[in-house]
């Protein structure tokens, strides 16, 4: 791992042989002192077998956490992010090697492809912590549902989160008239119509504040995807046995806060 980089301010004097002017003052410039890149003692030379054992230990600990504890950890991570005290957890070379043999995320998130919503960063999570499925409009289809089913049944995640966000372009576009959507490429038009089918536009048209309208449209879409997940028998069997928790979320880009519902 790289040691912390420290910056000090040092005074720069006039070049040798030159007399400083009487009005001159020493100039302060940043001078970086960086410790040598040295690995943390204790992980040098670990074999793949030891890496696998380390992964097994991590998986065992992850499996002991309850869905409520996992969700709380996600909420705490987002709080660190929006309060600007994110730990940005990285992995040592040994821990990255351990991830070669297996993954054991505790959370699966269906999120939007929007570049302003980097899921791991928003929740202050590291490598291997979240199984992320990102698609425009955070909408379920065959591929996204299959991915979440894999996370639930094979990776044993404890929390499923559908995450929408402020100013979602896909949701906004989905509310355009059908004749406008028909001008888009076939697959894009179908995806937007899929989102549109779950929006209650008769209700939304009564919201005249643009931000309130945006939030309500996005959260309506999230709730629609959550409802679709609840129609999946295998997923709901896990919920009923207290092995899984399903939640919706709204990420406010302007503040960094995720509201869970």
C-alpha atoms as a PDB file:
ATOM      1  CA  UNK A   1       0.000   0.000   0.000  1.00  0.00           C
ATOM      2  CA  UNK A   2       1.115   3.557  -0.580  1.00  0.00           C
ATOM      3  CA  UNK A   3       1.930   5.524   2.528  1.00  0.00           C
ATOM      4  CA  UNK A   4       0.299   8.871   3.131  1.00  0.00           C
ATOM      5  CA  UNK A   5       1.710  11.814   1.247  1.00  0.00           C
ATOM      6  CA  UNK A   6       2.530  14.787   3.452  1.00  0.00           C
ATOM      7  CA  UNK A   7       2.959  18.339   2.239  1.00  0.00           C
ATOM      8  CA  UNK A   8       4.973  20.973   4.083  1.00  0.00           C
ATOM      9  CA  UNK A   9       5.555  24.646   3.330  1.00  0.00           C
ATOM     10  CA  UNK A  10       9.218  25.679   3.145  1.00  0.00           C
ATOM     11  CA  UNK A  11      10.809  29.073   2.651  1.00  0.00           C
ATOM     12  CA  UNK A  12      12.708  29.678  -0.575  1.00  0.00           C
ATOM     13  CA  UNK A  13      15.605  32.088  -0.138  1.00  0.00           C
ATOM     14  CA  UNK A  14      17.260  34.256  -2.774  1.00  0.00           C
ATOM     15  CA  UNK A  15      19.821  32.468  -4.999  1.00  0.00           C
ATOM     16  CA  UNK A  16      23.357  32.337  -3.691  1.00  0.00           C
ATOM     17  CA  UNK A  17      25.330  35.506  -4.332  1.00  0.00           C
ATOM     18  CA  UNK A  18      22.226  37.681  -4.711  1.00  0.00           C
ATOM     19  CA  UNK A  19      21.080  40.098  -2.069  1.00  0.00           C
ATOM     20  CA  UNK A  20      17.357  39.995  -1.473  1.00  0.00           C
ATOM     21  CA  UNK A  21      15.575  43.282  -1.882  1.00  0.00           C
ATOM     22  CA  UNK A  22      14.602  44.971   1.327  1.00  0.00           C
ATOM     23  CA  UNK A  23      10.925  44.530   0.481  1.00  0.00           C
ATOM     24  CA  UNK A  24      11.215  40.864  -0.405  1.00  0.00           C
ATOM     25  CA  UNK A  25       9.880  38.138   1.845  1.00  0.00           C
ATOM     26  CA  UNK A  26      10.615  34.449   1.790  1.00  0.00           C
ATOM     27  CA  UNK A  27       8.358  32.649  -0.633  1.00  0.00           C
ATOM     28  CA  UNK A  28       6.440  29.661   0.663  1.00  0.00           C
ATOM     29  CA  UNK A  29       6.023  26.802  -1.795  1.00  0.00           C
ATOM     30  CA  UNK A  30       4.595  23.370  -1.245  1.00  0.00           C
ATOM     31  CA  UNK A  31       7.235  20.707  -0.811  1.00  0.00           C
ATOM     32  CA  UNK A  32       6.010  17.138  -0.934  1.00  0.00           C
ATOM     33  CA  UNK A  33       7.611  14.493   1.221  1.00  0.00           C
ATOM     34  CA  UNK A  34       6.465  11.059   0.283  1.00  0.00           C
ATOM     35  CA  UNK A  35       7.380   7.925   2.172  1.00  0.00           C
ATOM     36  CA  UNK A  36       8.598   4.966   0.196  1.00  0.00           C
ATOM     37  CA  UNK A  37       5.943   2.678  -1.215  1.00  0.00           C
ATOM     38  CA  UNK A  38       6.214  -0.196   1.163  1.00  0.00           C
ATOM     39  CA  UNK A  39       3.698  -2.987   1.657  1.00  0.00           C
ATOM     40  CA  UNK A  40       2.153  -3.380   5.057  1.00  0.00           C
ATOM     41  CA  UNK A  41       4.126  -5.900   7.023  1.00  0.00           C
ATOM     42  CA  UNK A  42       2.503  -9.291   7.142  1.00  0.00           C
ATOM     43  CA  UNK A  43       1.164  -9.862   3.645  1.00  0.00           C
ATOM     44  CA  UNK A  44       4.314 -10.191   1.544  1.00  0.00           C
ATOM     45  CA  UNK A  45       4.609 -13.498  -0.229  1.00  0.00           C
ATOM     46  CA  UNK A  46       1.193 -14.914   0.684  1.00  0.00           C
ATOM     47  CA  UNK A  47       0.332 -17.892  -1.499  1.00  0.00           C
ATOM     48  CA  UNK A  48      -2.898 -18.392  -3.391  1.00  0.00           C
ATOM     49  CA  UNK A  49      -3.883 -21.011  -0.840  1.00  0.00           C
ATOM     50  CA  UNK A  50      -3.550 -18.435   1.935  1.00  0.00           C
ATOM     51  CA  UNK A  51      -5.485 -15.954  -0.194  1.00  0.00           C
ATOM     52  CA  UNK A  52      -8.291 -18.496  -0.571  1.00  0.00           C
ATOM     53  CA  UNK A  53      -8.366 -19.034   3.190  1.00  0.00           C
ATOM     54  CA  UNK A  54      -8.602 -15.271   3.662  1.00  0.00           C
ATOM     55  CA  UNK A  55     -11.528 -15.141   1.219  1.00  0.00           C
ATOM     56  CA  UNK A  56     -13.262 -17.972   3.061  1.00  0.00           C
ATOM     57  CA  UNK A  57     -12.948 -16.083   6.353  1.00  0.00           C
ATOM     58  CA  UNK A  58     -14.388 -12.937   4.786  1.00  0.00           C
ATOM     59  CA  UNK A  59     -17.285 -14.850   3.310  1.00  0.00           C
ATOM     60  CA  UNK A  60     -18.050 -16.508   6.662  1.00  0.00           C
ATOM     61  CA  UNK A  61     -18.191 -13.091   8.348  1.00  0.00           C
ATOM     62  CA  UNK A  62     -20.420 -11.689   5.606  1.00  0.00           C
ATOM     63  CA  UNK A  63     -22.875 -14.567   5.943  1.00  0.00           C
ATOM     64  CA  UNK A  64     -23.265 -13.908   9.676  1.00  0.00           C
ATOM     65  CA  UNK A  65     -24.655 -10.407   9.109  1.00  0.00           C
ATOM     66  CA  UNK A  66     -28.421  -9.966   9.091  1.00  0.00           C
ATOM     67  CA  UNK A  67     -30.207  -8.117   6.272  1.00  0.00           C
ATOM     68  CA  UNK A  68     -30.957  -5.256   8.677  1.00  0.00           C
ATOM     69  CA  UNK A  69     -27.261  -4.949   9.577  1.00  0.00           C
ATOM     70  CA  UNK A  70     -26.276  -4.952   5.910  1.00  0.00           C
ATOM     71  CA  UNK A  71     -28.785  -2.207   5.108  1.00  0.00           C
ATOM     72  CA  UNK A  72     -27.565  -0.156   8.066  1.00  0.00           C
ATOM     73  CA  UNK A  73     -23.997  -0.474   6.781  1.00  0.00           C
ATOM     74  CA  UNK A  74     -25.134   0.804   3.387  1.00  0.00           C
ATOM     75  CA  UNK A  75     -26.870   3.770   5.006  1.00  0.00           C
ATOM     76  CA  UNK A  76     -23.807   4.575   7.089  1.00  0.00           C
ATOM     77  CA  UNK A  77     -21.629   4.470   3.987  1.00  0.00           C
ATOM     78  CA  UNK A  78     -23.857   6.959   2.199  1.00  0.00           C
ATOM     79  CA  UNK A  79     -23.783   9.227   5.260  1.00  0.00           C
ATOM     80  CA  UNK A  80     -19.971   9.201   5.164  1.00  0.00           C
ATOM     81  CA  UNK A  81     -20.124  10.087   1.474  1.00  0.00           C
ATOM     82  CA  UNK A  82     -22.445  13.082   1.694  1.00  0.00           C
ATOM     83  CA  UNK A  83     -20.735  14.373   4.851  1.00  0.00           C
ATOM     84  CA  UNK A  84     -17.410  14.353   2.963  1.00  0.00           C
ATOM     85  CA  UNK A  85     -15.764  11.881   5.341  1.00  0.00           C
ATOM     86  CA  UNK A  86     -15.802   8.886   3.002  1.00  0.00           C
ATOM     87  CA  UNK A  87     -13.180   6.278   3.803  1.00  0.00           C
ATOM     88  CA  UNK A  88     -12.987   5.180   0.142  1.00  0.00           C
ATOM     89  CA  UNK A  89     -12.025   1.642   1.199  1.00  0.00           C
ATOM     90  CA  UNK A  90      -9.399   0.130  -1.032  1.00  0.00           C
ATOM     91  CA  UNK A  91      -7.855  -3.287  -0.906  1.00  0.00           C
ATOM     92  CA  UNK A  92      -4.281  -4.368  -0.317  1.00  0.00           C
ATOM     93  CA  UNK A  93      -2.641  -6.489  -2.983  1.00  0.00           C
ATOM     94  CA  UNK A  94      -3.254  -9.550  -0.816  1.00  0.00           C
ATOM     95  CA  UNK A  95      -6.956  -8.800  -0.426  1.00  0.00           C
ATOM     96  CA  UNK A  96      -7.319  -8.239  -4.159  1.00  0.00           C
ATOM     97  CA  UNK A  97      -5.657 -11.590  -4.725  1.00  0.00           C
ATOM     98  CA  UNK A  98      -8.134 -13.181  -2.326  1.00  0.00           C
ATOM     99  CA  UNK A  99     -10.997 -11.872  -4.477  1.00  0.00           C
ATOM    100  CA  UNK A 100      -9.743 -13.956  -7.411  1.00  0.00           C
ATOM    101  CA  UNK A 101     -11.131 -17.131  -5.899  1.00  0.00           C
ATOM    102  CA  UNK A 102     -14.632 -15.862  -5.029  1.00  0.00           C
ATOM    103  CA  UNK A 103     -16.905 -12.905  -4.483  1.00  0.00           C
ATOM    104  CA  UNK A 104     -19.240 -12.493  -1.541  1.00  0.00           C
ATOM    105  CA  UNK A 105     -21.085  -9.158  -1.774  1.00  0.00           C
ATOM    106  CA  UNK A 106     -23.827  -8.574   0.780  1.00  0.00           C
ATOM    107  CA  UNK A 107     -25.820  -6.156  -1.376  1.00  0.00           C
ATOM    108  CA  UNK A 108     -27.176  -6.213  -4.925  1.00  0.00           C
ATOM    109  CA  UNK A 109     -28.185  -2.883  -6.447  1.00  0.00           C
ATOM    110  CA  UNK A 110     -30.237  -2.246  -9.568  1.00  0.00           C
ATOM    111  CA  UNK A 111     -29.148   1.262 -10.466  1.00  0.00           C
ATOM    112  CA  UNK A 112     -29.118   3.644 -13.396  1.00  0.00           C
ATOM    113  CA  UNK A 113     -26.326   3.867 -15.956  1.00  0.00           C
ATOM    114  CA  UNK A 114     -26.071   7.616 -15.381  1.00  0.00           C
ATOM    115  CA  UNK A 115     -22.424   8.615 -14.983  1.00  0.00           C
ATOM    116  CA  UNK A 116     -23.329  10.889 -12.074  1.00  0.00           C
ATOM    117  CA  UNK A 117     -24.385   7.944  -9.919  1.00  0.00           C
ATOM    118  CA  UNK A 118     -21.257   5.805  -9.278  1.00  0.00           C
ATOM    119  CA  UNK A 119     -22.800   3.257  -6.936  1.00  0.00           C
ATOM    120  CA  UNK A 120     -19.773   2.112  -4.948  1.00  0.00           C
ATOM    121  CA  UNK A 121     -18.668   5.699  -4.353  1.00  0.00           C
ATOM    122  CA  UNK A 122     -22.129   6.891  -3.289  1.00  0.00           C
ATOM    123  CA  UNK A 123     -22.208   4.188  -0.596  1.00  0.00           C
ATOM    124  CA  UNK A 124     -18.496   4.368   0.268  1.00  0.00           C
ATOM    125  CA  UNK A 125     -17.932   0.701  -0.505  1.00  0.00           C
ATOM    126  CA  UNK A 126     -14.898  -1.143  -1.797  1.00  0.00           C
ATOM    127  CA  UNK A 127     -14.010  -3.937  -4.194  1.00  0.00           C
ATOM    128  CA  UNK A 128     -16.278  -6.942  -3.858  1.00  0.00           C
ATOM    129  CA  UNK A 129     -18.769  -5.244  -1.518  1.00  0.00           C
ATOM    130  CA  UNK A 130     -21.668  -4.629  -3.934  1.00  0.00           C
ATOM    131  CA  UNK A 131     -23.072  -6.623  -6.855  1.00  0.00           C
ATOM    132  CA  UNK A 132     -24.127  -3.840  -9.212  1.00  0.00           C
ATOM    133  CA  UNK A 133     -26.541  -4.023 -12.149  1.00  0.00           C
ATOM    134  CA  UNK A 134     -26.734  -0.707 -14.001  1.00  0.00           C
ATOM    135  CA  UNK A 135     -29.107   0.076 -16.851  1.00  0.00           C
ATOM    136  CA  UNK A 136     -30.771   3.260 -18.070  1.00  0.00           C
ATOM    137  CA  UNK A 137     -33.763   3.967 -15.856  1.00  0.00           C
ATOM    138  CA  UNK A 138     -32.863   1.184 -13.370  1.00  0.00           C
ATOM    139  CA  UNK A 139     -35.515  -0.937 -15.066  1.00  0.00           C
ATOM    140  CA  UNK A 140     -36.089  -4.682 -14.872  1.00  0.00           C
ATOM    141  CA  UNK A 141     -35.931  -6.818 -17.987  1.00  0.00           C
ATOM    142  CA  UNK A 142     -34.801 -10.380 -18.666  1.00  0.00           C
ATOM    143  CA  UNK A 143     -31.091  -9.639 -18.244  1.00  0.00           C
ATOM    144  CA  UNK A 144     -31.345  -7.410 -15.179  1.00  0.00           C
ATOM    145  CA  UNK A 145     -33.785  -9.712 -13.377  1.00  0.00           C
ATOM    146  CA  UNK A 146     -31.602 -12.722 -14.155  1.00  0.00           C
ATOM    147  CA  UNK A 147     -28.585 -10.880 -12.750  1.00  0.00           C
ATOM    148  CA  UNK A 148     -30.419 -10.121  -9.502  1.00  0.00           C
ATOM    149  CA  UNK A 149     -31.653 -13.710  -9.272  1.00  0.00           C
ATOM    150  CA  UNK A 150     -28.039 -14.848  -9.551  1.00  0.00           C
ATOM    151  CA  UNK A 151     -27.041 -12.468  -6.755  1.00  0.00           C
ATOM    152  CA  UNK A 152     -29.822 -13.744  -4.483  1.00  0.00           C
ATOM    153  CA  UNK A 153     -29.597 -17.476  -5.111  1.00  0.00           C
ATOM    154  CA  UNK A 154     -25.881 -17.964  -5.726  1.00  0.00           C
ATOM    155  CA  UNK A 155     -24.093 -15.064  -4.044  1.00  0.00           C
ATOM    156  CA  UNK A 156     -26.525 -15.027  -1.089  1.00  0.00           C
ATOM    157  CA  UNK A 157     -26.826 -11.237  -0.909  1.00  0.00           C
ATOM    158  CA  UNK A 158     -28.822  -9.961   2.071  1.00  0.00           C
ATOM    159  CA  UNK A 159     -30.208  -6.741   0.552  1.00  0.00           C
ATOM    160  CA  UNK A 160     -31.727  -5.916  -2.848  1.00  0.00           C
ATOM    161  CA  UNK A 161     -31.860  -2.182  -3.543  1.00  0.00           C
ATOM    162  CA  UNK A 162     -33.476  -0.474  -6.532  1.00  0.00           C
ATOM    163  CA  UNK A 163     -31.825   2.937  -6.772  1.00  0.00           C
ATOM    164  CA  UNK A 164     -33.284   5.811  -8.765  1.00  0.00           C
ATOM    165  CA  UNK A 165     -31.844   9.301  -8.876  1.00  0.00           C
ATOM    166  CA  UNK A 166     -32.604  12.962  -9.283  1.00  0.00           C
ATOM    167  CA  UNK A 167     -32.949  14.213 -12.887  1.00  0.00           C
ATOM    168  CA  UNK A 168     -33.051  10.750 -14.458  1.00  0.00           C
ATOM    169  CA  UNK A 169     -33.007  11.283 -18.221  1.00  0.00           C
ATOM    170  CA  UNK A 170     -34.568   7.899 -18.968  1.00  0.00           C
ATOM    171  CA  UNK A 171     -37.595   8.544 -16.752  1.00  0.00           C
ATOM    172  CA  UNK A 172     -37.979  12.058 -18.163  1.00  0.00           C
ATOM    173  CA  UNK A 173     -37.806  10.745 -21.725  1.00  0.00           C
ATOM    174  CA  UNK A 174     -40.298   7.975 -20.950  1.00  0.00           C
ATOM    175  CA  UNK A 175     -42.963  10.615 -20.271  1.00  0.00           C
ATOM    176  CA  UNK A 176     -42.729  12.015 -23.800  1.00  0.00           C
ATOM    177  CA  UNK A 177     -45.602  11.342 -26.237  1.00  0.00           C
ATOM    178  CA  UNK A 178     -45.554   7.971 -27.982  1.00  0.00           C
ATOM    179  CA  UNK A 179     -45.075   9.598 -31.395  1.00  0.00           C
ATOM    180  CA  UNK A 180     -41.811  11.102 -30.121  1.00  0.00           C
ATOM    181  CA  UNK A 181     -40.617   7.785 -28.665  1.00  0.00           C
ATOM    182  CA  UNK A 182     -41.317   6.056 -31.984  1.00  0.00           C
ATOM    183  CA  UNK A 183     -38.573   8.171 -33.571  1.00  0.00           C
ATOM    184  CA  UNK A 184     -35.930   6.558 -31.338  1.00  0.00           C
ATOM    185  CA  UNK A 185     -34.050   3.359 -32.268  1.00  0.00           C
ATOM    186  CA  UNK A 186     -36.233   0.292 -31.746  1.00  0.00           C
ATOM    187  CA  UNK A 187     -34.575  -1.055 -28.578  1.00  0.00           C
ATOM    188  CA  UNK A 188     -34.375   2.387 -26.961  1.00  0.00           C
ATOM    189  CA  UNK A 189     -38.037   3.081 -27.716  1.00  0.00           C
ATOM    190  CA  UNK A 190     -39.033  -0.268 -26.197  1.00  0.00           C
ATOM    191  CA  UNK A 191     -37.003   0.405 -23.037  1.00  0.00           C
ATOM    192  CA  UNK A 192     -38.608   3.834 -22.588  1.00  0.00           C
ATOM    193  CA  UNK A 193     -42.094   2.425 -23.142  1.00  0.00           C
ATOM    194  CA  UNK A 194     -41.339  -0.230 -20.527  1.00  0.00           C
ATOM    195  CA  UNK A 195     -40.640   2.538 -18.004  1.00  0.00           C
ATOM    196  CA  UNK A 196     -43.604   4.591 -19.178  1.00  0.00           C
ATOM    197  CA  UNK A 197     -45.991   1.720 -18.515  1.00  0.00           C
ATOM    198  CA  UNK A 198     -45.294   1.951 -14.778  1.00  0.00           C
ATOM    199  CA  UNK A 199     -45.692   5.732 -14.459  1.00  0.00           C
ATOM    200  CA  UNK A 200     -49.016   7.184 -13.354  1.00  0.00           C
ATOM    201  CA  UNK A 201     -48.933  10.203 -15.612  1.00  0.00           C
ATOM    202  CA  UNK A 202     -52.516  11.228 -14.802  1.00  0.00           C
ATOM    203  CA  UNK A 203     -51.409  11.719 -11.200  1.00  0.00           C
ATOM    204  CA  UNK A 204     -48.029  13.229 -12.037  1.00  0.00           C
ATOM    205  CA  UNK A 205     -49.526  15.949 -14.247  1.00  0.00           C
ATOM    206  CA  UNK A 206     -51.014  17.598 -11.160  1.00  0.00           C
ATOM    207  CA  UNK A 207     -47.523  18.294  -9.762  1.00  0.00           C
ATOM    208  CA  UNK A 208     -46.496  21.713 -11.044  1.00  0.00           C
ATOM    209  CA  UNK A 209     -43.213  22.124  -9.158  1.00  0.00           C
ATOM    210  CA  UNK A 210     -40.537  20.723 -11.470  1.00  0.00           C
ATOM    211  CA  UNK A 211     -38.374  19.197  -8.734  1.00  0.00           C
ATOM    212  CA  UNK A 212     -41.348  17.620  -6.987  1.00  0.00           C
ATOM    213  CA  UNK A 213     -42.522  16.234 -10.338  1.00  0.00           C
ATOM    214  CA  UNK A 214     -39.067  14.822 -11.074  1.00  0.00           C
ATOM    215  CA  UNK A 215     -38.755  13.160  -7.676  1.00  0.00           C
ATOM    216  CA  UNK A 216     -42.239  11.683  -7.787  1.00  0.00           C
ATOM    217  CA  UNK A 217     -41.729  10.285 -11.289  1.00  0.00           C
ATOM    218  CA  UNK A 218     -38.417   8.663 -10.336  1.00  0.00           C
ATOM    219  CA  UNK A 219     -39.697   7.207  -7.068  1.00  0.00           C
ATOM    220  CA  UNK A 220     -42.802   5.891  -8.863  1.00  0.00           C
ATOM    221  CA  UNK A 221     -40.526   4.061 -11.293  1.00  0.00           C
ATOM    222  CA  UNK A 222     -38.441   2.658  -8.439  1.00  0.00           C
ATOM    223  CA  UNK A 223     -41.560   1.412  -6.645  1.00  0.00           C
ATOM    224  CA  UNK A 224     -42.742  -0.210  -9.870  1.00  0.00           C
ATOM    225  CA  UNK A 225     -39.448  -2.143 -10.180  1.00  0.00           C
ATOM    226  CA  UNK A 226     -39.634  -3.171  -6.511  1.00  0.00           C
ATOM    227  CA  UNK A 227     -43.170  -4.436  -7.103  1.00  0.00           C
ATOM    228  CA  UNK A 228     -41.925  -6.501 -10.050  1.00  0.00           C
ATOM    229  CA  UNK A 229     -39.275  -8.042  -7.821  1.00  0.00           C
ATOM    230  CA  UNK A 230     -41.975  -8.977  -5.343  1.00  0.00           C
ATOM    231  CA  UNK A 231     -43.681 -11.046  -8.022  1.00  0.00           C
ATOM    232  CA  UNK A 232     -40.639 -13.321  -8.191  1.00  0.00           C
ATOM    233  CA  UNK A 233     -41.387 -16.406  -6.093  1.00  0.00           C
ATOM    234  CA  UNK A 234     -37.758 -17.347  -5.458  1.00  0.00           C
ATOM    235  CA  UNK A 235     -36.870 -13.862  -4.264  1.00  0.00           C
ATOM    236  CA  UNK A 236     -39.945 -13.601  -2.050  1.00  0.00           C
ATOM    237  CA  UNK A 237     -39.206 -17.001  -0.484  1.00  0.00           C
ATOM    238  CA  UNK A 238     -35.927 -15.472   0.724  1.00  0.00           C
ATOM    239  CA  UNK A 239     -37.766 -12.411   2.053  1.00  0.00           C
ATOM    240  CA  UNK A 240     -40.284 -14.515   3.956  1.00  0.00           C
ATOM    241  CA  UNK A 241     -37.512 -16.565   5.542  1.00  0.00           C
ATOM    242  CA  UNK A 242     -35.767 -13.348   6.698  1.00  0.00           C
ATOM    243  CA  UNK A 243     -32.756 -14.020   4.482  1.00  0.00           C
ATOM    244  CA  UNK A 244     -33.350 -11.009   2.248  1.00  0.00           C
ATOM    245  CA  UNK A 245     -34.565  -7.419   2.468  1.00  0.00           C
ATOM    246  CA  UNK A 246     -35.825  -5.420  -0.525  1.00  0.00           C
ATOM    247  CA  UNK A 247     -35.714  -1.623  -0.542  1.00  0.00           C
ATOM    248  CA  UNK A 248     -36.071   1.304  -2.880  1.00  0.00           C
ATOM    249  CA  UNK A 249     -33.852   4.365  -2.851  1.00  0.00           C
ATOM    250  CA  UNK A 250     -33.699   7.875  -4.315  1.00  0.00           C
ATOM    251  CA  UNK A 251     -30.277   9.463  -4.802  1.00  0.00           C
ATOM    252  CA  UNK A 252     -30.261  13.247  -4.742  1.00  0.00           C
ATOM    253  CA  UNK A 253     -27.355  14.294  -6.933  1.00  0.00           C
ATOM    254  CA  UNK A 254     -27.325  17.835  -5.548  1.00  0.00           C
ATOM    255  CA  UNK A 255     -26.778  16.739  -1.931  1.00  0.00           C
ATOM    256  CA  UNK A 256     -25.363  13.199  -2.226  1.00  0.00           C
ATOM    257  CA  UNK A 257     -28.066  11.842   0.075  1.00  0.00           C
ATOM    258  CA  UNK A 258     -29.905   8.572  -0.571  1.00  0.00           C
ATOM    259  CA  UNK A 259     -33.413   8.321   0.820  1.00  0.00           C
ATOM    260  CA  UNK A 260     -34.500   4.745   1.455  1.00  0.00           C
ATOM    261  CA  UNK A 261     -38.127   3.638   1.254  1.00  0.00           C
END
